[in-house]
Amino acid sequence: MSRCHSCRVHSGCWMMYDQPNYMGNQYFFRRGEYADYMSMFGMNNCIRSCRMIPMYRGSYRMRIYEKENFMGQMYEMMDDCDSIMDRYRMSHCQSCHIMDGHWLFYEQPHYRGRMWYFRPGEYRSFSNMGGMRFMSMRRIMDSWY
């Protein structure tokens, strides 16, 4: 397909990417109909790759760090955070360690702006993500499926 302007998600949660190989801007989709996602999400391009987010029913836990390579102030989180500035007096985070669960990070407070999907693992530096500065985080809950 060279163009796709709508989609229907029958089950599960998905991340869609506007570049091949899970690169470029990311867009989160859960069960539902998206009649014109191009204008809805402000996409300039079409979907070039996608990945299913596995359902997770355990606890959620991660550590965010003020600086790259797990340096600077560290905070452990187990629930959503709509503003790391308000909660931790932290302007942004530069690295994280996701111990449990799947998370969405947003570039602006209150879950706005561009987003990135993170699964369990160590993320030593966000500098290779196009200069993204993450300001809020949300768990991908099993109730979304």
C-alpha atoms as a PDB file:
ATOM      1  CA  MET A   1       0.000   0.000   0.000  1.00  0.00           C
ATOM      2  CA  SER A   2       1.349   3.392  -0.870  1.00  0.00           C
ATOM      3  CA  ARG A   3      -1.340   5.316   1.034  1.00  0.00           C
ATOM      4  CA  CYS A   4      -3.493   4.520   4.007  1.00  0.00           C
ATOM      5  CA  HIS A   5      -5.760   7.135   5.587  1.00  0.00           C
ATOM      6  CA  SER A   6      -7.839   5.086   8.009  1.00  0.00           C
ATOM      7  CA  CYS A   7      -7.584   1.945  10.080  1.00  0.00           C
ATOM      8  CA  ARG A   8      -9.535  -0.247  12.461  1.00  0.00           C
ATOM      9  CA  VAL A   9      -7.874  -1.934  15.438  1.00  0.00           C
ATOM     10  CA  HIS A  10      -9.819  -5.069  16.304  1.00  0.00           C
ATOM     11  CA  SER A  11      -7.821  -5.955  19.393  1.00  0.00           C
ATOM     12  CA  GLY A  12      -4.700  -5.049  21.265  1.00  0.00           C
ATOM     13  CA  CYS A  13      -2.556  -1.958  21.371  1.00  0.00           C
ATOM     14  CA  TRP A  14      -0.211  -0.936  18.569  1.00  0.00           C
ATOM     15  CA  MET A  15       2.524   1.580  17.867  1.00  0.00           C
ATOM     16  CA  MET A  16       2.536   2.894  14.321  1.00  0.00           C
ATOM     17  CA  TYR A  17       5.607   4.550  12.795  1.00  0.00           C
ATOM     18  CA  ASP A  18       5.875   6.916   9.852  1.00  0.00           C
ATOM     19  CA  GLN A  19       9.236   5.400   8.819  1.00  0.00           C
ATOM     20  CA  PRO A  20      10.289   1.792   8.080  1.00  0.00           C
ATOM     21  CA  ASN A  21      11.992  -0.332  10.746  1.00  0.00           C
ATOM     22  CA  TYR A  22      10.108   1.241  13.684  1.00  0.00           C
ATOM     23  CA  MET A  23      11.694   4.642  13.111  1.00  0.00           C
ATOM     24  CA  GLY A  24      10.338   8.172  12.926  1.00  0.00           C
ATOM     25  CA  ASN A  25       7.330   9.564  14.730  1.00  0.00           C
ATOM     26  CA  GLN A  26       5.319   7.120  16.806  1.00  0.00           C
ATOM     27  CA  TYR A  27       1.542   6.957  17.139  1.00  0.00           C
ATOM     28  CA  PHE A  28      -0.340   4.874  19.714  1.00  0.00           C
ATOM     29  CA  PHE A  29      -3.504   3.044  18.648  1.00  0.00           C
ATOM     30  CA  ARG A  30      -5.780   0.880  20.770  1.00  0.00           C
ATOM     31  CA  ARG A  31      -9.017  -0.920  19.951  1.00  0.00           C
ATOM     32  CA  GLY A  32     -11.236   1.351  17.883  1.00  0.00           C
ATOM     33  CA  GLU A  33     -11.832   2.925  14.501  1.00  0.00           C
ATOM     34  CA  TYR A  34      -9.657   5.699  13.167  1.00  0.00           C
ATOM     35  CA  ALA A  35     -11.527   7.113  10.169  1.00  0.00           C
ATOM     36  CA  ASP A  36      -8.923   9.726   9.303  1.00  0.00           C
ATOM     37  CA  TYR A  37      -5.913   9.248  11.526  1.00  0.00           C
ATOM     38  CA  MET A  38      -3.761  11.370   9.171  1.00  0.00           C
ATOM     39  CA  SER A  39      -5.474  14.585  10.276  1.00  0.00           C
ATOM     40  CA  MET A  40      -6.369  13.273  13.736  1.00  0.00           C
ATOM     41  CA  PHE A  41      -2.707  12.750  14.698  1.00  0.00           C
ATOM     42  CA  GLY A  42      -1.219  15.376  12.418  1.00  0.00           C
ATOM     43  CA  MET A  43       0.662  12.789  10.394  1.00  0.00           C
ATOM     44  CA  ASN A  44       2.440  14.108   7.320  1.00  0.00           C
ATOM     45  CA  ASN A  45       3.151  10.678   5.961  1.00  0.00           C
ATOM     46  CA  CYS A  46       1.535   7.285   6.017  1.00  0.00           C
ATOM     47  CA  ILE A  47       2.237   4.311   8.254  1.00  0.00           C
ATOM     48  CA  ARG A  48       5.459   2.607   7.201  1.00  0.00           C
ATOM     49  CA  SER A  49       5.837   0.088  10.049  1.00  0.00           C
ATOM     50  CA  CYS A  50       3.941  -1.047  13.136  1.00  0.00           C
ATOM     51  CA  ARG A  51       4.412  -3.228  16.185  1.00  0.00           C
ATOM     52  CA  MET A  52       1.991  -4.849  18.567  1.00  0.00           C
ATOM     53  CA  ILE A  53       2.399  -3.993  22.234  1.00  0.00           C
ATOM     54  CA  PRO A  54       2.077  -7.206  24.248  1.00  0.00           C
ATOM     55  CA  MET A  55      -0.541  -7.309  26.978  1.00  0.00           C
ATOM     56  CA  TYR A  56       0.979  -6.978  30.431  1.00  0.00           C
ATOM     57  CA  ARG A  57      -0.798  -7.674  33.717  1.00  0.00           C
ATOM     58  CA  GLY A  58       1.950  -7.344  36.317  1.00  0.00           C
ATOM     59  CA  SER A  59       3.232  -4.434  38.343  1.00  0.00           C
ATOM     60  CA  TYR A  60       4.756  -1.330  36.769  1.00  0.00           C
ATOM     61  CA  ARG A  61       8.103   0.030  37.863  1.00  0.00           C
ATOM     62  CA  MET A  62      10.801   2.219  36.379  1.00  0.00           C
ATOM     63  CA  ARG A  63      13.533   4.615  37.357  1.00  0.00           C
ATOM     64  CA  ILE A  64      14.021   7.906  35.577  1.00  0.00           C
ATOM     65  CA  TYR A  65      17.288   9.842  35.698  1.00  0.00           C
ATOM     66  CA  GLU A  66      18.014  13.501  35.281  1.00  0.00           C
ATOM     67  CA  LYS A  67      21.118  12.858  33.135  1.00  0.00           C
ATOM     68  CA  GLU A  68      22.398  10.339  30.609  1.00  0.00           C
ATOM     69  CA  ASN A  69      23.941   7.029  31.717  1.00  0.00           C
ATOM     70  CA  PHE A  70      21.757   6.854  34.840  1.00  0.00           C
ATOM     71  CA  MET A  71      23.415   9.889  36.428  1.00  0.00           C
ATOM     72  CA  GLY A  72      21.998  12.799  38.418  1.00  0.00           C
ATOM     73  CA  GLN A  73      18.769  12.711  40.388  1.00  0.00           C
ATOM     74  CA  MET A  74      16.874   9.402  40.218  1.00  0.00           C
ATOM     75  CA  TYR A  75      13.205   8.795  40.918  1.00  0.00           C
ATOM     76  CA  GLU A  76      11.376   5.487  40.982  1.00  0.00           C
ATOM     77  CA  MET A  77       7.882   5.431  39.532  1.00  0.00           C
ATOM     78  CA  MET A  78       5.120   2.869  39.694  1.00  0.00           C
ATOM     79  CA  ASP A  79       2.219   4.903  38.339  1.00  0.00           C
ATOM     80  CA  ASP A  80       1.421   7.546  35.728  1.00  0.00           C
ATOM     81  CA  CYS A  81       3.029  10.967  36.016  1.00  0.00           C
ATOM     82  CA  ASP A  82       1.392  13.874  34.205  1.00  0.00           C
ATOM     83  CA  SER A  83       4.297  16.253  34.910  1.00  0.00           C
ATOM     84  CA  ILE A  84       7.761  15.361  36.179  1.00  0.00           C
ATOM     85  CA  MET A  85       8.330  19.073  36.816  1.00  0.00           C
ATOM     86  CA  ASP A  86       5.362  19.291  39.180  1.00  0.00           C
ATOM     87  CA  ARG A  87       5.993  15.952  40.882  1.00  0.00           C
ATOM     88  CA  TYR A  88       9.797  15.869  41.124  1.00  0.00           C
ATOM     89  CA  ARG A  89      10.919  19.431  40.253  1.00  0.00           C
ATOM     90  CA  MET A  90      12.800  17.855  37.366  1.00  0.00           C
ATOM     91  CA  SER A  91      12.858  19.728  34.031  1.00  0.00           C
ATOM     92  CA  HIS A  92      13.210  16.508  32.000  1.00  0.00           C
ATOM     93  CA  CYS A  93      14.836  13.089  32.125  1.00  0.00           C
ATOM     94  CA  GLN A  94      17.725  11.893  29.968  1.00  0.00           C
ATOM     95  CA  SER A  95      17.796   8.144  30.745  1.00  0.00           C
ATOM     96  CA  CYS A  96      15.632   5.473  32.338  1.00  0.00           C
ATOM     97  CA  HIS A  97      15.502   1.859  33.396  1.00  0.00           C
ATOM     98  CA  ILE A  98      12.153   0.160  32.833  1.00  0.00           C
ATOM     99  CA  MET A  99      11.982  -2.790  35.219  1.00  0.00           C
ATOM    100  CA  ASP A 100       8.330  -3.774  34.769  1.00  0.00           C
ATOM    101  CA  GLY A 101       5.560  -2.943  32.328  1.00  0.00           C
ATOM    102  CA  HIS A 102       5.176  -1.000  29.100  1.00  0.00           C
ATOM    103  CA  TRP A 103       5.175   2.795  29.133  1.00  0.00           C
ATOM    104  CA  LEU A 104       4.453   5.780  26.901  1.00  0.00           C
ATOM    105  CA  PHE A 105       6.656   8.859  27.360  1.00  0.00           C
ATOM    106  CA  TYR A 106       5.420  12.243  26.140  1.00  0.00           C
ATOM    107  CA  GLU A 107       7.413  15.329  25.221  1.00  0.00           C
ATOM    108  CA  GLN A 108       5.008  17.661  27.046  1.00  0.00           C
ATOM    109  CA  PRO A 109       3.242  17.575  30.420  1.00  0.00           C
ATOM    110  CA  HIS A 110      -0.258  16.129  30.675  1.00  0.00           C
ATOM    111  CA  TYR A 111       0.396  13.415  28.058  1.00  0.00           C
ATOM    112  CA  ARG A 112       0.657  15.780  25.102  1.00  0.00           C
ATOM    113  CA  GLY A 113       2.950  16.094  22.139  1.00  0.00           C
ATOM    114  CA  ARG A 114       5.014  13.412  20.469  1.00  0.00           C
ATOM    115  CA  MET A 115       5.317  10.109  22.263  1.00  0.00           C
ATOM    116  CA  TRP A 116       7.692   7.177  22.503  1.00  0.00           C
ATOM    117  CA  TYR A 117       6.992   3.606  23.531  1.00  0.00           C
ATOM    118  CA  PHE A 118       9.322   1.947  26.046  1.00  0.00           C
ATOM    119  CA  ARG A 119       9.339  -1.722  26.997  1.00  0.00           C
ATOM    120  CA  PRO A 120      11.439  -3.264  29.781  1.00  0.00           C
ATOM    121  CA  GLY A 121      15.127  -2.487  29.380  1.00  0.00           C
ATOM    122  CA  GLU A 122      17.844   0.064  30.019  1.00  0.00           C
ATOM    123  CA  TYR A 123      17.816   3.305  28.051  1.00  0.00           C
ATOM    124  CA  ARG A 124      21.105   5.098  28.730  1.00  0.00           C
ATOM    125  CA  SER A 125      20.540   8.162  26.559  1.00  0.00           C
ATOM    126  CA  PHE A 126      17.616   9.888  24.902  1.00  0.00           C
ATOM    127  CA  SER A 127      19.882  12.178  22.847  1.00  0.00           C
ATOM    128  CA  ASN A 128      19.580   9.895  19.793  1.00  0.00           C
ATOM    129  CA  MET A 129      15.799  10.362  19.756  1.00  0.00           C
ATOM    130  CA  GLY A 130      15.742  13.613  17.829  1.00  0.00           C
ATOM    131  CA  GLY A 131      16.255  15.832  20.845  1.00  0.00           C
ATOM    132  CA  MET A 132      13.125  14.602  22.638  1.00  0.00           C
ATOM    133  CA  ARG A 133      12.691  15.805  26.204  1.00  0.00           C
ATOM    134  CA  PHE A 134      10.190  13.741  28.105  1.00  0.00           C
ATOM    135  CA  MET A 135       7.882  15.535  30.534  1.00  0.00           C
ATOM    136  CA  SER A 136       5.154  12.970  31.334  1.00  0.00           C
ATOM    137  CA  MET A 137       4.819   9.188  31.447  1.00  0.00           C
ATOM    138  CA  ARG A 138       1.858   6.812  31.306  1.00  0.00           C
ATOM    139  CA  ARG A 139       1.510   3.057  31.829  1.00  0.00           C
ATOM    140  CA  ILE A 140      -0.044   1.017  29.021  1.00  0.00           C
ATOM    141  CA  MET A 141      -2.738  -0.749  31.031  1.00  0.00           C
ATOM    142  CA  ASP A 142      -4.405  -4.087  30.261  1.00  0.00           C
ATOM    143  CA  SER A 143      -7.795  -2.316  30.390  1.00  0.00           C
ATOM    144  CA  TRP A 144      -6.792  -0.530  27.158  1.00  0.00           C
ATOM    145  CA  TYR A 145      -6.907  -3.823  25.260  1.00  0.00           C
END
